[in-house]
N, C-alpha and C. Protein backbone atom coordinates (compact mmCIF):
# COMPACT_ATOMS: atom_id res chain seq x y z
N UNK A 1 0.47 6.44 9.63
CA UNK A 1 -0.78 7.03 9.19
C UNK A 1 -1.29 6.30 7.96
N UNK A 2 -2.59 6.19 7.86
CA UNK A 2 -3.23 5.61 6.68
C UNK A 2 -3.95 6.74 5.96
N UNK A 3 -3.76 6.82 4.65
CA UNK A 3 -4.37 7.84 3.82
C UNK A 3 -5.24 7.16 2.77
N UNK A 4 -6.47 7.63 2.60
CA UNK A 4 -7.36 7.11 1.55
C UNK A 4 -7.47 8.15 0.46
N UNK A 5 -7.27 7.72 -0.77
CA UNK A 5 -7.43 8.60 -1.93
C UNK A 5 -8.60 8.05 -2.73
N UNK A 6 -9.65 8.85 -2.87
CA UNK A 6 -10.86 8.41 -3.56
C UNK A 6 -11.13 9.32 -4.75
N UNK A 7 -11.65 8.75 -5.80
CA UNK A 7 -12.02 9.51 -6.98
C UNK A 7 -13.23 10.38 -6.65
N UNK A 8 -13.20 11.61 -7.10
CA UNK A 8 -14.31 12.52 -6.83
C UNK A 8 -15.50 12.36 -7.75
N UNK A 9 -15.35 11.58 -8.82
CA UNK A 9 -16.45 11.43 -9.78
C UNK A 9 -17.02 10.01 -9.82
N UNK A 10 -16.86 9.27 -8.73
CA UNK A 10 -17.38 7.90 -8.63
C UNK A 10 -18.16 7.75 -7.33
N UNK A 11 -19.12 6.84 -7.33
CA UNK A 11 -19.81 6.45 -6.10
C UNK A 11 -19.18 5.16 -5.60
N UNK A 12 -19.03 5.04 -4.29
CA UNK A 12 -18.37 3.88 -3.71
C UNK A 12 -19.31 3.14 -2.78
N UNK A 13 -19.35 1.83 -2.92
CA UNK A 13 -20.05 0.96 -1.98
C UNK A 13 -18.98 0.08 -1.36
N UNK A 14 -18.31 0.63 -0.35
CA UNK A 14 -17.14 -0.01 0.23
C UNK A 14 -17.14 0.22 1.73
N UNK A 15 -16.96 -0.83 2.49
CA UNK A 15 -16.83 -0.70 3.94
C UNK A 15 -15.38 -0.32 4.22
N UNK A 16 -15.15 0.95 4.51
CA UNK A 16 -13.78 1.44 4.70
C UNK A 16 -13.07 0.77 5.87
N UNK A 17 -13.80 0.46 6.92
CA UNK A 17 -13.19 -0.20 8.08
C UNK A 17 -12.64 -1.57 7.66
N UNK A 18 -13.44 -2.36 6.93
CA UNK A 18 -12.98 -3.67 6.44
C UNK A 18 -11.81 -3.52 5.47
N UNK A 19 -11.88 -2.50 4.63
CA UNK A 19 -10.82 -2.26 3.66
C UNK A 19 -9.49 -1.95 4.36
N UNK A 20 -9.55 -1.10 5.38
CA UNK A 20 -8.34 -0.75 6.13
C UNK A 20 -7.80 -1.98 6.86
N UNK A 21 -8.67 -2.78 7.44
CA UNK A 21 -8.22 -4.00 8.12
C UNK A 21 -7.57 -4.97 7.13
N UNK A 22 -8.14 -5.09 5.94
CA UNK A 22 -7.54 -5.93 4.90
C UNK A 22 -6.15 -5.42 4.55
N UNK A 23 -6.05 -4.11 4.37
CA UNK A 23 -4.78 -3.46 4.04
C UNK A 23 -3.73 -3.75 5.12
N UNK A 24 -4.11 -3.55 6.37
CA UNK A 24 -3.18 -3.81 7.48
C UNK A 24 -2.79 -5.28 7.54
N UNK A 25 -3.76 -6.17 7.32
CA UNK A 25 -3.50 -7.60 7.38
C UNK A 25 -2.51 -8.07 6.33
N UNK A 26 -2.47 -7.39 5.19
CA UNK A 26 -1.54 -7.72 4.12
C UNK A 26 -0.18 -7.05 4.32
N UNK A 27 -0.10 -6.15 5.32
CA UNK A 27 1.13 -5.39 5.56
C UNK A 27 1.59 -4.70 4.27
N UNK A 28 0.61 -4.15 3.57
CA UNK A 28 0.86 -3.56 2.25
C UNK A 28 1.23 -2.08 2.36
N UNK A 29 2.01 -1.63 1.40
CA UNK A 29 2.27 -0.19 1.29
C UNK A 29 1.09 0.50 0.62
N UNK A 30 0.50 -0.17 -0.38
CA UNK A 30 -0.62 0.38 -1.14
C UNK A 30 -1.64 -0.73 -1.35
N UNK A 31 -2.92 -0.40 -1.20
CA UNK A 31 -4.00 -1.33 -1.51
C UNK A 31 -4.98 -0.59 -2.41
N UNK A 32 -5.40 -1.24 -3.49
CA UNK A 32 -6.31 -0.63 -4.45
C UNK A 32 -7.60 -1.44 -4.48
N UNK A 33 -8.74 -0.75 -4.35
CA UNK A 33 -10.04 -1.40 -4.50
C UNK A 33 -10.49 -1.22 -5.94
N UNK A 34 -10.96 -2.30 -6.54
CA UNK A 34 -11.47 -2.22 -7.91
C UNK A 34 -12.65 -3.17 -8.05
N UNK A 35 -13.35 -3.05 -9.15
CA UNK A 35 -14.50 -3.91 -9.41
C UNK A 35 -14.48 -4.32 -10.88
N UNK A 36 -14.93 -5.52 -11.20
CA UNK A 36 -14.98 -5.93 -12.61
C UNK A 36 -15.96 -5.07 -13.40
N UNK A 37 -15.65 -4.84 -14.66
CA UNK A 37 -16.57 -4.14 -15.56
C UNK A 37 -16.72 -4.98 -16.82
N UNK A 38 -17.86 -4.84 -17.46
CA UNK A 38 -18.12 -5.55 -18.71
C UNK A 38 -17.20 -5.02 -19.81
N UNK A 39 -16.84 -5.89 -20.73
CA UNK A 39 -15.93 -5.53 -21.82
C UNK A 39 -16.41 -4.28 -22.56
N UNK A 40 -17.72 -4.17 -22.78
CA UNK A 40 -18.24 -3.02 -23.53
C UNK A 40 -18.17 -1.72 -22.74
N UNK A 41 -17.86 -1.78 -21.44
CA UNK A 41 -17.75 -0.57 -20.62
C UNK A 41 -16.31 -0.16 -20.34
N UNK A 42 -15.34 -0.93 -20.82
CA UNK A 42 -13.95 -0.68 -20.45
C UNK A 42 -13.41 0.66 -20.93
N UNK A 43 -13.98 1.21 -22.00
CA UNK A 43 -13.45 2.48 -22.52
C UNK A 43 -13.74 3.65 -21.59
N UNK A 44 -14.50 3.43 -20.54
CA UNK A 44 -14.82 4.48 -19.57
C UNK A 44 -14.00 4.40 -18.29
N UNK A 45 -13.14 3.37 -18.17
CA UNK A 45 -12.45 3.13 -16.90
C UNK A 45 -10.98 2.78 -17.12
N UNK A 46 -10.17 2.99 -16.08
CA UNK A 46 -8.83 2.42 -16.05
C UNK A 46 -8.97 0.94 -15.76
N UNK A 47 -8.26 0.10 -16.50
CA UNK A 47 -8.43 -1.35 -16.41
C UNK A 47 -7.15 -2.00 -15.89
N UNK A 48 -7.29 -2.82 -14.86
CA UNK A 48 -6.16 -3.54 -14.25
C UNK A 48 -6.15 -4.98 -14.72
N UNK A 49 -4.95 -5.54 -14.83
CA UNK A 49 -4.79 -6.98 -14.98
C UNK A 49 -4.02 -7.43 -13.75
N UNK A 50 -4.54 -8.46 -13.07
CA UNK A 50 -3.88 -8.95 -11.86
C UNK A 50 -3.49 -10.41 -12.04
N UNK A 51 -2.48 -10.83 -11.27
CA UNK A 51 -2.05 -12.23 -11.33
C UNK A 51 -2.75 -13.02 -10.22
N UNK A 52 -2.37 -14.29 -10.06
CA UNK A 52 -3.00 -15.16 -9.07
C UNK A 52 -2.80 -14.67 -7.64
N UNK A 53 -1.73 -13.91 -7.41
CA UNK A 53 -1.46 -13.36 -6.07
C UNK A 53 -2.15 -12.02 -5.86
N UNK A 54 -3.01 -11.63 -6.80
CA UNK A 54 -3.74 -10.36 -6.79
C UNK A 54 -2.82 -9.15 -6.84
N UNK A 55 -1.72 -9.29 -7.53
CA UNK A 55 -0.80 -8.17 -7.75
C UNK A 55 -1.05 -7.63 -9.16
N UNK A 56 -1.02 -6.31 -9.28
CA UNK A 56 -1.24 -5.68 -10.59
C UNK A 56 -0.05 -5.96 -11.48
N UNK A 57 -0.33 -6.50 -12.67
CA UNK A 57 0.74 -6.79 -13.62
C UNK A 57 0.61 -5.97 -14.90
N UNK A 58 -0.53 -5.28 -15.07
CA UNK A 58 -0.71 -4.42 -16.24
C UNK A 58 -1.83 -3.44 -15.95
N UNK A 59 -1.81 -2.31 -16.64
CA UNK A 59 -2.84 -1.28 -16.47
C UNK A 59 -2.98 -0.52 -17.78
N UNK A 60 -4.21 -0.24 -18.16
CA UNK A 60 -4.50 0.61 -19.33
C UNK A 60 -5.59 1.59 -18.93
N UNK A 61 -5.37 2.86 -19.21
CA UNK A 61 -6.37 3.89 -18.92
C UNK A 61 -7.34 3.99 -20.09
N UNK A 62 -8.60 3.67 -19.84
CA UNK A 62 -9.68 3.77 -20.82
C UNK A 62 -9.30 3.19 -22.18
N UNK A 63 -9.03 1.89 -22.24
CA UNK A 63 -8.60 1.28 -23.50
C UNK A 63 -9.67 1.39 -24.59
N UNK A 64 -9.23 1.69 -25.80
CA UNK A 64 -10.13 1.89 -26.93
C UNK A 64 -10.05 0.79 -27.98
N UNK A 65 -9.03 -0.04 -27.95
CA UNK A 65 -8.80 -1.02 -29.01
C UNK A 65 -8.95 -2.45 -28.50
N UNK A 66 -9.53 -3.30 -29.33
CA UNK A 66 -9.78 -4.69 -28.96
C UNK A 66 -8.51 -5.44 -28.59
N UNK A 67 -7.40 -5.16 -29.28
CA UNK A 67 -6.17 -5.90 -28.98
C UNK A 67 -5.66 -5.60 -27.57
N UNK A 68 -5.93 -4.41 -27.07
CA UNK A 68 -5.56 -4.09 -25.68
C UNK A 68 -6.43 -4.89 -24.72
N UNK A 69 -7.72 -4.98 -25.01
CA UNK A 69 -8.61 -5.76 -24.15
C UNK A 69 -8.23 -7.24 -24.18
N UNK A 70 -7.82 -7.72 -25.35
CA UNK A 70 -7.37 -9.11 -25.46
C UNK A 70 -6.12 -9.32 -24.61
N UNK A 71 -5.18 -8.36 -24.67
CA UNK A 71 -3.94 -8.45 -23.88
C UNK A 71 -4.25 -8.48 -22.38
N UNK A 72 -5.24 -7.70 -21.97
CA UNK A 72 -5.63 -7.65 -20.56
C UNK A 72 -6.52 -8.83 -20.17
N UNK A 73 -6.88 -9.64 -21.16
CA UNK A 73 -7.73 -10.82 -20.94
C UNK A 73 -9.08 -10.46 -20.35
N UNK A 74 -9.70 -9.40 -20.91
CA UNK A 74 -11.03 -8.98 -20.47
C UNK A 74 -12.06 -9.90 -21.13
N UNK A 75 -12.86 -10.62 -20.35
CA UNK A 75 -13.84 -11.53 -20.95
C UNK A 75 -14.97 -10.76 -21.64
N UNK A 76 -15.58 -11.38 -22.63
CA UNK A 76 -16.71 -10.76 -23.32
C UNK A 76 -17.93 -10.67 -22.42
N UNK A 77 -18.08 -11.64 -21.51
CA UNK A 77 -19.21 -11.67 -20.60
C UNK A 77 -18.68 -11.88 -19.19
N UNK A 78 -19.18 -11.07 -18.24
CA UNK A 78 -18.79 -11.25 -16.84
C UNK A 78 -19.75 -12.17 -16.14
């Protein structure tokens, strides 16, 4: 069975059929959809850092301090 967990306070522009096919194609246990946000908006979102293989290597929930954004390598301009 495939289960989708979606945030109730966000709007999504995502083709779920393509997302599920991507998930199956990776033979993944978990697949997370995310989108880049501008550095000045990061305090409103959970922020992921991913490696070259697109695996999550760090996460901060609504970071408030510049040193955390620097650690996550969030660019000043997207």
